[in-house]
C-alpha atoms as a PDB file:
ATOM      1  CA  ASP A   1      40.900   6.003  -8.242  1.00  0.00           C
ATOM      2  CA  GLU A   2      38.758   7.285 -11.498  1.00  0.00           C
ATOM      3  CA  LYS A   3      37.955   3.925 -12.678  1.00  0.00           C
ATOM      4  CA  HIS A   4      36.528   2.986  -9.312  1.00  0.00           C
ATOM      5  CA  ASP A   5      34.091   6.467  -9.055  1.00  0.00           C
ATOM      6  CA  GLU A   6      33.014   5.495 -12.716  1.00  0.00           C
ATOM      7  CA  LYS A   7      31.813   1.856 -11.367  1.00  0.00           C
ATOM      8  CA  VAL A   8      30.125   3.397  -8.394  1.00  0.00           C
ATOM      9  CA  LEU A   9      28.421   5.599 -10.938  1.00  0.00           C
ATOM     10  CA  GLN A  10      27.307   2.877 -12.786  1.00  0.00           C
ATOM     11  CA  TYR A  11      26.127   1.243  -9.510  1.00  0.00           C
ATOM     12  CA  PHE A  12      24.241   3.563  -8.386  1.00  0.00           C
ATOM     13  CA  GLY A  13      22.712   4.327 -12.128  1.00  0.00           C
ATOM     14  CA  ASP A  14      21.785   0.170 -12.078  1.00  0.00           C
ATOM     15  CA  VAL A  15      20.096   0.658  -8.319  1.00  0.00           C
ATOM     16  CA  MET A  16      17.922   3.723  -9.594  1.00  0.00           C
ATOM     17  CA  ALA A  17      17.055   2.553 -12.997  1.00  0.00           C
ATOM     18  CA  ASP A  18      16.006  -0.673 -10.577  1.00  0.00           C
ATOM     19  CA  VAL A  19      13.826   1.307  -8.528  1.00  0.00           C
ATOM     20  CA  GLU A  20      12.227   3.428 -11.473  1.00  0.00           C
ATOM     21  CA  LYS A  21      11.082   0.303 -13.046  1.00  0.00           C
ATOM     22  CA  HIS A  22       8.828  -1.045  -9.576  1.00  0.00           C
ATOM     23  CA  GLU A  23       6.159   0.936  -7.404  1.00  0.00           C
ATOM     24  CA  GLU A  24       7.652  -0.341  -4.486  1.00  0.00           C
ATOM     25  CA  ARG A  25       9.594   1.521  -1.473  1.00  0.00           C
ATOM     26  CA  TYR A  26      12.734   1.122  -1.003  1.00  0.00           C
ATOM     27  CA  VAL A  27      14.927   1.236   2.264  1.00  0.00           C
ATOM     28  CA  VAL A  28      18.586   2.201   1.597  1.00  0.00           C
ATOM     29  CA  ALA A  29      20.727   1.614   4.760  1.00  0.00           C
ATOM     30  CA  GLY A  30      24.018   1.551   5.973  1.00  0.00           C
ATOM     31  CA  PRO A  31      26.627   3.057   8.089  1.00  0.00           C
ATOM     32  CA  GLY A  32      28.668   4.666   5.975  1.00  0.00           C
ATOM     33  CA  LEU A  33      28.468   7.233   3.114  1.00  0.00           C
ATOM     34  CA  LYS A  34      27.627   5.327   0.417  1.00  0.00           C
ATOM     35  CA  LYS A  35      23.850   5.548   0.809  1.00  0.00           C
ATOM     36  CA  ASP A  36      24.738   9.369   1.398  1.00  0.00           C
ATOM     37  CA  ASN A  37      26.253   9.685  -2.002  1.00  0.00           C
ATOM     38  CA  PHE A  38      23.194   7.465  -3.818  1.00  0.00           C
ATOM     39  CA  LYS A  39      21.074   9.914  -2.205  1.00  0.00           C
ATOM     40  CA  LYS A  40      22.704  12.734  -3.801  1.00  0.00           C
ATOM     41  CA  PHE A  41      23.232  10.961  -7.045  1.00  0.00           C
ATOM     42  CA  VAL A  42      19.061  10.373  -7.375  1.00  0.00           C
ATOM     43  CA  GLU A  43      18.650  13.962  -6.167  1.00  0.00           C
ATOM     44  CA  LYS A  44      20.302  15.403  -8.907  1.00  0.00           C
ATOM     45  CA  ARG A  45      18.802  12.797 -11.731  1.00  0.00           C
ATOM     46  CA  LYS A  46      15.694  11.824 -10.667  1.00  0.00           C
ATOM     47  CA  PRO A  47      14.127  13.841  -7.447  1.00  0.00           C
ATOM     48  CA  GLU A  48      10.563  12.351  -7.833  1.00  0.00           C
ATOM     49  CA  LEU A  49      12.780   8.884  -6.701  1.00  0.00           C
ATOM     50  CA  LEU A  50      12.881  10.272  -3.420  1.00  0.00           C
ATOM     51  CA  LYS A  51       9.458   9.835  -2.251  1.00  0.00           C
ATOM     52  CA  ARG A  52       9.753   5.939  -2.294  1.00  0.00           C
ATOM     53  CA  ILE A  53      13.558   5.653  -0.937  1.00  0.00           C
ATOM     54  CA  TYR A  54      13.898   5.877   2.643  1.00  0.00           C
ATOM     55  CA  PHE A  55      17.207   6.375   4.055  1.00  0.00           C
ATOM     56  CA  GLU A  56      18.126   4.707   7.116  1.00  0.00           C
ATOM     57  CA  THR A  57      21.740   4.538   9.165  1.00  0.00           C
ATOM     58  CA  CYS A  58      22.719   1.436  10.691  1.00  0.00           C
ATOM     59  CA  SER A  59      25.919   0.241  12.607  1.00  0.00           C
ATOM     60  CA  HIS A  60      26.653  -2.969  10.241  1.00  0.00           C
ATOM     61  CA  ALA A  61      25.900  -4.347   6.826  1.00  0.00           C
ATOM     62  CA  GLU A  62      25.004  -7.721   5.828  1.00  0.00           C
ATOM     63  CA  ARG A  63      22.133  -9.459   7.946  1.00  0.00           C
ATOM     64  CA  ASN A  64      23.210  -7.661  11.098  1.00  0.00           C
ATOM     65  CA  GLY A  65      22.338  -4.364   9.339  1.00  0.00           C
ATOM     66  CA  VAL A  66      18.711  -6.100   8.139  1.00  0.00           C
ATOM     67  CA  ASN A  67      18.166  -7.243  12.143  1.00  0.00           C
ATOM     68  CA  GLU A  68      18.917  -3.768  13.128  1.00  0.00           C
ATOM     69  CA  LEU A  69      16.241  -2.354  11.272  1.00  0.00           C
ATOM     70  CA  LEU A  70      13.967  -4.650  11.949  1.00  0.00           C
ATOM     71  CA  ASN A  71      14.421  -4.420  15.686  1.00  0.00           C
ATOM     72  CA  LYS A  72      13.711   0.196  15.015  1.00  0.00           C
ATOM     73  CA  GLY A  73      10.506  -1.013  13.294  1.00  0.00           C
ATOM     74  CA  ILE A  74      11.683   0.514  10.044  1.00  0.00           C
ATOM     75  CA  LEU A  75       9.685  -1.971   7.998  1.00  0.00           C
ATOM     76  CA  GLU A  76       6.461  -1.867   9.766  1.00  0.00           C
ATOM     77  CA  ARG A  77       6.244   1.614   9.999  1.00  0.00           C
ATOM     78  CA  LEU A  78       6.745   1.856   5.918  1.00  0.00           C
ATOM     79  CA  ILE A  79       4.451  -0.950   5.425  1.00  0.00           C
ATOM     80  CA  GLY A  80       1.916   0.903   7.745  1.00  0.00           C
ATOM     81  CA  GLU A  81       2.375   3.999   5.649  1.00  0.00           C
ATOM     82  CA  ASP A  82       2.036   2.111   2.714  1.00  0.00           C
ATOM     83  CA  ARG A  83      -1.655   0.275   4.125  1.00  0.00           C
ATOM     84  CA  ILE A  84      -2.956   4.191   5.214  1.00  0.00           C
ATOM     85  CA  GLU A  85      -1.657   5.293   1.731  1.00  0.00           C
ATOM     86  CA  ARG A  86      -3.436   2.496  -0.049  1.00  0.00           C
ATOM     87  CA  GLU A  87      -6.573   2.800   1.679  1.00  0.00           C
ATOM     88  CA  THR A  88      -6.820   6.516   1.595  1.00  0.00           C
ATOM     89  CA  LYS A  89      -6.775   6.152  -2.355  1.00  0.00           C
ATOM     90  CA  LEU A  90      -9.115   2.997  -2.506  1.00  0.00           C
ATOM     91  CA  LEU A  91     -11.922   5.438  -0.775  1.00  0.00           C
ATOM     92  CA  GLU A  92     -11.177   8.186  -2.880  1.00  0.00           C
ATOM     93  CA  ASP A  93     -11.656   6.339  -5.964  1.00  0.00           C
ATOM     94  CA  MET A  94     -14.698   4.768  -4.424  1.00  0.00           C
ATOM     95  CA  THR A  95     -16.306   7.961  -3.615  1.00  0.00           C
ATOM     96  CA  ARG A  96     -15.320   9.282  -7.129  1.00  0.00           C
ATOM     97  CA  GLU A  97     -17.445   6.305  -8.439  1.00  0.00           C
ATOM     98  CA  ILE A  98     -20.334   7.280  -6.501  1.00  0.00           C
ATOM     99  CA  SER A  99     -20.384  10.618  -7.576  1.00  0.00           C
ATOM    100  CA  LYS A 100     -20.578   9.850 -11.475  1.00  0.00           C
ATOM    101  CA  ASP A 101     -23.142   6.834 -10.777  1.00  0.00           C
ATOM    102  CA  GLY A 102     -19.880   4.093 -10.969  1.00  0.00           C
ATOM    103  CA  LEU A 103     -20.350   0.472 -10.577  1.00  0.00           C
ATOM    104  CA  VAL A 104     -19.809   0.645  -6.828  1.00  0.00           C
ATOM    105  CA  ALA A 105     -22.128  -0.620  -4.054  1.00  0.00           C
ATOM    106  CA  TYR A 106     -21.910   0.484  -0.198  1.00  0.00           C
ATOM    107  CA  GLY A 107     -24.115  -0.489   2.858  1.00  0.00           C
ATOM    108  CA  LEU A 108     -24.818  -3.834   3.796  1.00  0.00           C
ATOM    109  CA  ALA A 109     -27.892  -4.444   1.813  1.00  0.00           C
ATOM    110  CA  GLU A 110     -26.242  -3.459  -1.572  1.00  0.00           C
ATOM    111  CA  VAL A 111     -23.110  -5.075  -0.894  1.00  0.00           C
ATOM    112  CA  ARG A 112     -25.125  -8.488   0.528  1.00  0.00           C
ATOM    113  CA  LYS A 113     -26.441  -8.145  -2.944  1.00  0.00           C
ATOM    114  CA  ALA A 114     -23.385  -8.027  -5.184  1.00  0.00           C
ATOM    115  CA  ALA A 115     -21.654 -10.535  -3.633  1.00  0.00           C
ATOM    116  CA  GLU A 116     -25.023 -13.042  -4.080  1.00  0.00           C
ATOM    117  CA  GLY A 117     -25.144 -11.602  -7.684  1.00  0.00           C
ATOM    118  CA  TYR A 118     -21.085 -12.812  -7.924  1.00  0.00           C
ATOM    119  CA  ALA A 119     -20.204  -9.035  -9.231  1.00  0.00           C
ATOM    120  CA  ILE A 120     -17.763  -7.699  -6.717  1.00  0.00           C
ATOM    121  CA  VAL A 121     -14.167  -7.212  -7.868  1.00  0.00           C
ATOM    122  CA  ARG A 122     -12.965  -5.721  -4.781  1.00  0.00           C
ATOM    123  CA  LEU A 123     -14.643  -5.401  -0.977  1.00  0.00           C
ATOM    124  CA  LEU A 124     -13.714  -2.993   1.206  1.00  0.00           C
ATOM    125  CA  ILE A 125     -14.784  -3.489   5.268  1.00  0.00           C
ATOM    126  CA  LEU A 126     -13.920  -2.104   8.176  1.00  0.00           C
ATOM    127  CA  ASP A 127     -12.117  -4.458  10.655  1.00  0.00           C
ATOM    128  CA  GLU A 128     -14.397  -3.898  13.056  1.00  0.00           C
ATOM    129  CA  PHE A 129     -17.594  -4.676  11.487  1.00  0.00           C
ATOM    130  CA  LEU A 130     -16.099  -8.152   9.970  1.00  0.00           C
ATOM    131  CA  ARG A 131     -15.103  -8.674  13.734  1.00  0.00           C
ATOM    132  CA  SER A 132     -18.474  -7.822  14.892  1.00  0.00           C
ATOM    133  CA  SER A 133     -21.138  -9.291  11.983  1.00  0.00           C
ATOM    134  CA  LYS A 134     -21.504 -12.672  11.409  1.00  0.00           C
ATOM    135  CA  GLU A 135     -23.155 -11.216   7.910  1.00  0.00           C
ATOM    136  CA  ALA A 136     -20.080  -9.344   7.349  1.00  0.00           C
ATOM    137  CA  GLU A 137     -17.922 -12.445   7.642  1.00  0.00           C
ATOM    138  CA  ALA A 138     -20.493 -14.159   5.484  1.00  0.00           C
ATOM    139  CA  ILE A 139     -20.139 -11.530   3.068  1.00  0.00           C
ATOM    140  CA  VAL A 140     -16.230 -11.463   3.329  1.00  0.00           C
ATOM    141  CA  GLU A 141     -16.111 -15.877   2.438  1.00  0.00           C
ATOM    142  CA  LEU A 142     -18.401 -15.315  -0.285  1.00  0.00           C
ATOM    143  CA  VAL A 143     -16.370 -12.306  -1.994  1.00  0.00           C
ATOM    144  CA  ASP A 144     -13.295 -14.752  -1.397  1.00  0.00           C
ATOM    145  CA  LYS A 145     -14.492 -17.730  -2.593  1.00  0.00           C
ATOM    146  CA  ASN A 146     -15.716 -16.136  -5.952  1.00  0.00           C
ATOM    147  CA  ARG A 147     -12.121 -14.467  -6.125  1.00  0.00           C
ATOM    148  CA  GLY A 148     -12.641 -10.866  -5.478  1.00  0.00           C
ATOM    149  CA  GLU A 149     -10.067  -8.929  -3.761  1.00  0.00           C
ATOM    150  CA  ILE A 150     -10.895  -8.208   0.122  1.00  0.00           C
ATOM    151  CA  VAL A 151      -9.618  -5.205   1.778  1.00  0.00           C
ATOM    152  CA  ILE A 152      -9.560  -4.986   5.278  1.00  0.00           C
ATOM    153  CA  VAL A 153      -9.959  -0.978   6.063  1.00  0.00           C
ATOM    154  CA  SER A 154      -8.818   0.664  10.065  1.00  0.00           C
ATOM    155  CA  GLU A 155     -11.457   1.914  12.021  1.00  0.00           C
ATOM    156  CA  GLU A 156      -8.610   4.089  13.695  1.00  0.00           C
ATOM    157  CA  SER A 157      -7.574   5.590  10.014  1.00  0.00           C
ATOM    158  CA  ASP A 158      -9.049   8.493   7.938  1.00  0.00           C
ATOM    159  CA  ALA A 159     -10.222   6.268   5.457  1.00  0.00           C
ATOM    160  CA  GLY A 160     -11.852   3.681   8.253  1.00  0.00           C
ATOM    161  CA  LEU A 161     -14.101   6.916   9.554  1.00  0.00           C
ATOM    162  CA  LYS A 162     -14.889   7.876   5.377  1.00  0.00           C
ATOM    163  CA  LEU A 163     -15.868   3.793   4.875  1.00  0.00           C
ATOM    164  CA  LYS A 164     -18.264   4.055   8.192  1.00  0.00           C
ATOM    165  CA  GLY A 165     -20.058   6.745   6.828  1.00  0.00           C
ATOM    166  CA  PHE A 166     -20.790   4.686   4.052  1.00  0.00           C
ATOM    167  CA  GLY A 167     -22.128   1.478   5.998  1.00  0.00           C
ATOM    168  CA  LYS A 168     -19.174  -0.176   6.876  1.00  0.00           C
ATOM    169  CA  ILE A 169     -18.736  -2.091   4.181  1.00  0.00           C
ATOM    170  CA  ALA A 170     -18.459  -0.928   0.042  1.00  0.00           C
ATOM    171  CA  ALA A 171     -17.676  -2.557  -3.230  1.00  0.00           C
ATOM    172  CA  PHE A 172     -16.086  -2.050  -6.542  1.00  0.00           C
ATOM    173  CA  LEU A 173     -18.903  -4.354  -9.209  1.00  0.00           C
ATOM    174  CA  LYS A 174     -17.677  -5.676 -12.214  1.00  0.00           C
ATOM    175  CA  PHE A 175     -21.057  -5.182 -12.996  1.00  0.00           C
ATOM    176  CA  ARG A 176     -24.391  -3.347 -12.066  1.00  0.00           C
ATOM    177  CA  ILE A 177     -26.611  -5.269 -10.299  1.00  0.00           C
END
């Protein structure tokens, strides 16, 4: 009936508005056609939001459906994609800062000096380097103690390969050292 359709469209609009307000990714899942109708709704009104919404089919609604998604590894895949995207963006930002002689340090000696000077806002460190170097571990502890953000970059990613070329460790700085 018309009243029901109107309420569904209002609900879709509310959900879409909520997605717009936040930068996170969303998973819309279920057994029926509602998710497909929501997808069409978003496509017509704000197609750019579809980059952040994943549509998945599952056999059940409620808790059983969530468990099914977890068992399929959907959420792990999305988290992995987010991590890769974030690491890539950070390395691009770092490269841009280096090219304009910005507030960045890289290489063990330079980053150690920045950590000792309490200058690090965000530390980027290669996972393999952190596991294998006591000195790298000490820098991470110092940055953590000084409330700096620590980002452990996977050596297997493109961002990791790029970071390896910068001495396996780099930092965004609060001020020049």
